[in-house]
């Protein structure tokens, strides 16, 4: 996917490393990440070889990068929902999928898995999903992570309101797999 090119932009590097573009600029400006500036411009370019060395030296995971697979974390306390989504999104959409049934488990998975997209049941136990959204939006390393709310209890207006609370999209349960894939693709298109 992204490694079809020999040289990458800071935005492409940010997406690969799952960090904000400004973080990549800091790495470049401090000399930690080698590359060059476009003559007559402030734009930076990073050779793929330098990026790979940097990622190895700093323990940045390569999960899904070389394969180009989108990493999706499904957070829902209904096993029938998580089981079906994990199976179908892995088999039919070729996503790399993990699941969590609690906010705590989701936090652990976000740290380990570095998902591109989180499908989050907005009625997850006792958790305040707005708080979860604020945490995700407040972390530099998660700026490119997309958050999609899922609910079978909200009205269309309430679901639409999730966008003002830090969500990038929403799904109304019950939904079809096609709708889930479209929501994921729409959310990740915002990154590209």
Protein backbone atom coordinates (compact mmCIF):
# COMPACT_ATOMS: atom_id res chain seq x y z
CA UNK A 1 0.00 0.00 0.00
CA UNK A 2 2.06 2.98 1.21
CA UNK A 3 5.39 1.25 0.58
CA UNK A 4 4.84 1.24 -3.17
CA UNK A 5 6.74 4.55 -3.08
CA UNK A 6 10.40 5.10 -2.22
CA UNK A 7 9.83 8.44 -0.47
CA UNK A 8 6.96 9.43 1.84
CA UNK A 9 5.37 12.68 3.01
CA UNK A 10 5.03 13.50 6.71
CA UNK A 11 1.30 12.78 6.44
CA UNK A 12 1.96 9.31 5.03
CA UNK A 13 4.55 8.62 7.75
CA UNK A 14 2.06 9.79 10.39
CA UNK A 15 -0.56 7.37 9.09
CA UNK A 16 1.93 4.48 9.07
CA UNK A 17 3.13 5.21 12.62
CA UNK A 18 -0.37 6.08 13.87
CA UNK A 19 0.69 9.52 15.12
CA UNK A 20 -0.19 13.12 14.28
CA UNK A 21 1.67 14.76 11.36
CA UNK A 22 3.09 17.37 13.75
CA UNK A 23 4.76 14.51 15.69
CA UNK A 24 6.51 13.38 12.50
CA UNK A 25 7.65 16.97 11.89
CA UNK A 26 9.13 17.07 15.41
CA UNK A 27 10.98 13.77 14.78
CA UNK A 28 12.33 15.19 11.51
CA UNK A 29 13.29 18.61 12.94
CA UNK A 30 15.09 17.02 15.91
CA UNK A 31 17.12 14.82 13.53
CA UNK A 32 15.67 11.57 14.91
CA UNK A 33 14.01 10.76 11.59
CA UNK A 34 16.24 11.31 8.57
CA UNK A 35 14.98 12.81 5.36
CA UNK A 36 15.17 16.01 3.35
CA UNK A 37 13.24 19.18 2.57
CA UNK A 38 11.91 19.98 -0.88
CA UNK A 39 14.08 22.83 -2.22
CA UNK A 40 12.28 26.17 -1.97
CA UNK A 41 9.65 24.68 0.33
CA UNK A 42 9.14 23.70 3.95
CA UNK A 43 7.77 20.29 2.89
CA UNK A 44 9.65 17.28 4.24
CA UNK A 45 10.23 13.90 2.58
CA UNK A 46 11.29 10.69 4.31
CA UNK A 47 12.88 7.80 2.40
CA UNK A 48 11.19 4.47 3.21
CA UNK A 49 14.52 2.94 4.29
CA UNK A 50 15.01 5.68 6.89
CA UNK A 51 11.47 5.22 8.15
CA UNK A 52 11.96 1.47 8.57
CA UNK A 53 15.21 2.05 10.52
CA UNK A 54 13.47 4.63 12.71
CA UNK A 55 10.49 2.35 13.41
CA UNK A 56 12.77 -0.55 14.36
CA UNK A 57 14.97 1.62 16.58
CA UNK A 58 11.96 3.00 18.46
CA UNK A 59 9.89 -0.18 18.63
CA UNK A 60 7.06 1.21 16.51
CA UNK A 61 4.94 -1.79 15.43
CA UNK A 62 4.68 -2.75 11.78
CA UNK A 63 1.27 -4.42 12.35
CA UNK A 64 -0.72 -4.11 9.16
CA UNK A 65 1.63 -1.58 7.56
CA UNK A 66 3.34 -3.79 5.03
CA UNK A 67 0.16 -5.71 4.26
CA UNK A 68 -1.87 -2.53 4.00
CA UNK A 69 -4.62 -4.04 6.17
CA UNK A 70 -6.84 -1.65 8.05
CA UNK A 71 -6.82 -2.37 11.80
CA UNK A 72 -10.28 -2.29 13.38
CA UNK A 73 -11.09 -2.58 17.09
CA UNK A 74 -14.69 -3.59 17.87
CA UNK A 75 -15.77 -2.53 21.38
CA UNK A 76 -19.13 -4.01 22.37
CA UNK A 77 -20.35 -6.09 25.30
CA UNK A 78 -22.63 -8.24 23.12
CA UNK A 79 -20.63 -11.34 22.09
CA UNK A 80 -22.94 -12.04 19.15
CA UNK A 81 -22.12 -8.60 17.70
CA UNK A 82 -18.35 -8.84 18.26
CA UNK A 83 -18.12 -12.44 16.99
CA UNK A 84 -19.98 -11.70 13.77
CA UNK A 85 -18.14 -8.44 13.09
CA UNK A 86 -14.74 -10.00 13.77
CA UNK A 87 -15.40 -12.97 11.50
CA UNK A 88 -17.04 -11.07 8.64
CA UNK A 89 -14.72 -8.04 8.61
CA UNK A 90 -11.68 -10.33 8.64
CA UNK A 91 -12.93 -12.76 5.99
CA UNK A 92 -14.86 -10.48 3.65
CA UNK A 93 -13.18 -7.08 4.02
CA UNK A 94 -9.67 -8.39 4.82
CA UNK A 95 -9.36 -6.10 7.86
CA UNK A 96 -7.23 -6.98 10.84
CA UNK A 97 -9.82 -7.09 13.66
CA UNK A 98 -9.65 -7.34 17.44
CA UNK A 99 -12.47 -7.11 19.97
CA UNK A 100 -12.96 -5.81 23.51
CA UNK A 101 -16.03 -6.04 25.74
CA UNK A 102 -15.16 -3.38 28.35
CA UNK A 103 -13.71 0.12 28.32
CA UNK A 104 -10.65 -1.15 30.20
CA UNK A 105 -10.03 -3.96 27.70
CA UNK A 106 -10.49 -1.44 24.88
CA UNK A 107 -7.80 0.79 26.41
CA UNK A 108 -5.36 -2.12 26.55
CA UNK A 109 -6.13 -3.08 22.95
CA UNK A 110 -5.80 0.51 21.71
CA UNK A 111 -2.33 0.67 23.26
CA UNK A 112 -1.24 -2.70 21.85
CA UNK A 113 -3.07 -2.86 18.52
CA UNK A 114 -2.97 0.81 17.43
CA UNK A 115 -6.25 0.58 15.48
CA UNK A 116 -7.05 2.77 12.51
CA UNK A 117 -10.76 2.55 13.38
CA UNK A 118 -12.67 1.86 16.61
CA UNK A 119 -16.27 0.67 16.37
CA UNK A 120 -17.65 1.62 19.81
CA UNK A 121 -21.02 0.67 21.28
CA UNK A 122 -22.14 3.97 22.81
CA UNK A 123 -24.05 2.06 25.52
CA UNK A 124 -21.03 0.11 26.76
CA UNK A 125 -21.74 -0.85 30.36
CA UNK A 126 -21.29 2.04 32.77
CA UNK A 127 -18.75 3.84 30.58
CA UNK A 128 -19.25 7.40 29.46
CA UNK A 129 -18.41 7.16 25.78
CA UNK A 130 -17.92 10.92 25.53
CA UNK A 131 -15.10 10.51 28.04
CA UNK A 132 -13.61 7.70 25.92
CA UNK A 133 -13.87 9.91 22.82
CA UNK A 134 -12.16 12.79 24.66
CA UNK A 135 -9.30 10.53 25.75
CA UNK A 136 -8.76 9.32 22.19
CA UNK A 137 -8.91 12.85 20.77
CA UNK A 138 -6.51 14.10 23.46
CA UNK A 139 -3.69 11.66 22.62
CA UNK A 140 -1.23 12.75 19.91
CA UNK A 141 -0.58 9.13 18.95
CA UNK A 142 -4.30 8.55 18.31
CA UNK A 143 -5.07 11.63 16.23
CA UNK A 144 -5.52 9.54 13.10
CA UNK A 145 -7.63 6.87 14.80
CA UNK A 146 -11.23 7.10 13.63
CA UNK A 147 -14.10 6.53 16.06
CA UNK A 148 -17.47 5.18 14.89
CA UNK A 149 -20.34 5.00 17.39
CA UNK A 150 -22.84 2.13 17.31
CA UNK A 151 -26.29 2.13 18.93
CA UNK A 152 -29.62 0.39 18.69
CA UNK A 153 -31.25 2.72 21.22
CA UNK A 154 -30.46 6.19 19.87
CA UNK A 155 -32.64 8.08 17.44
CA UNK A 156 -31.11 9.23 14.15
CA UNK A 157 -30.79 12.74 15.62
CA UNK A 158 -28.94 11.46 18.71
CA UNK A 159 -26.59 9.40 16.51
CA UNK A 160 -25.91 12.43 14.32
CA UNK A 161 -25.08 14.34 17.52
CA UNK A 162 -22.19 11.97 18.19
CA UNK A 163 -20.17 13.90 15.60
CA UNK A 164 -20.09 16.89 17.93
CA UNK A 165 -18.76 14.61 20.69
CA UNK A 166 -15.61 13.51 18.82
CA UNK A 167 -16.99 10.66 16.72
CA UNK A 168 -16.19 10.39 13.01
CA UNK A 169 -19.29 8.38 12.12
CA UNK A 170 -22.11 6.25 13.48
CA UNK A 171 -24.05 3.06 12.81
CA UNK A 172 -27.58 2.28 13.89
CA UNK A 173 -28.12 -1.32 15.04
CA UNK A 174 -29.15 -3.60 13.52
CA UNK A 175 -26.93 -2.98 10.53
CA UNK A 176 -25.69 -4.93 7.54
CA UNK A 177 -22.01 -5.73 7.05
CA UNK A 178 -21.99 -3.57 3.93
CA UNK A 179 -22.99 -0.57 6.07
CA UNK A 180 -20.16 -1.27 8.52
CA UNK A 181 -17.58 -1.51 5.72
CA UNK A 182 -18.92 1.71 4.15
CA UNK A 183 -18.68 3.51 7.51
CA UNK A 184 -15.09 2.30 8.00
CA UNK A 185 -14.10 3.30 4.47
CA UNK A 186 -15.75 6.73 4.84
CA UNK A 187 -13.99 7.34 8.17
CA UNK A 188 -10.57 6.27 6.93
CA UNK A 189 -10.99 8.32 3.75
CA UNK A 190 -10.81 11.38 6.01
CA UNK A 191 -7.19 10.42 6.72
CA UNK A 192 -6.08 9.96 3.13
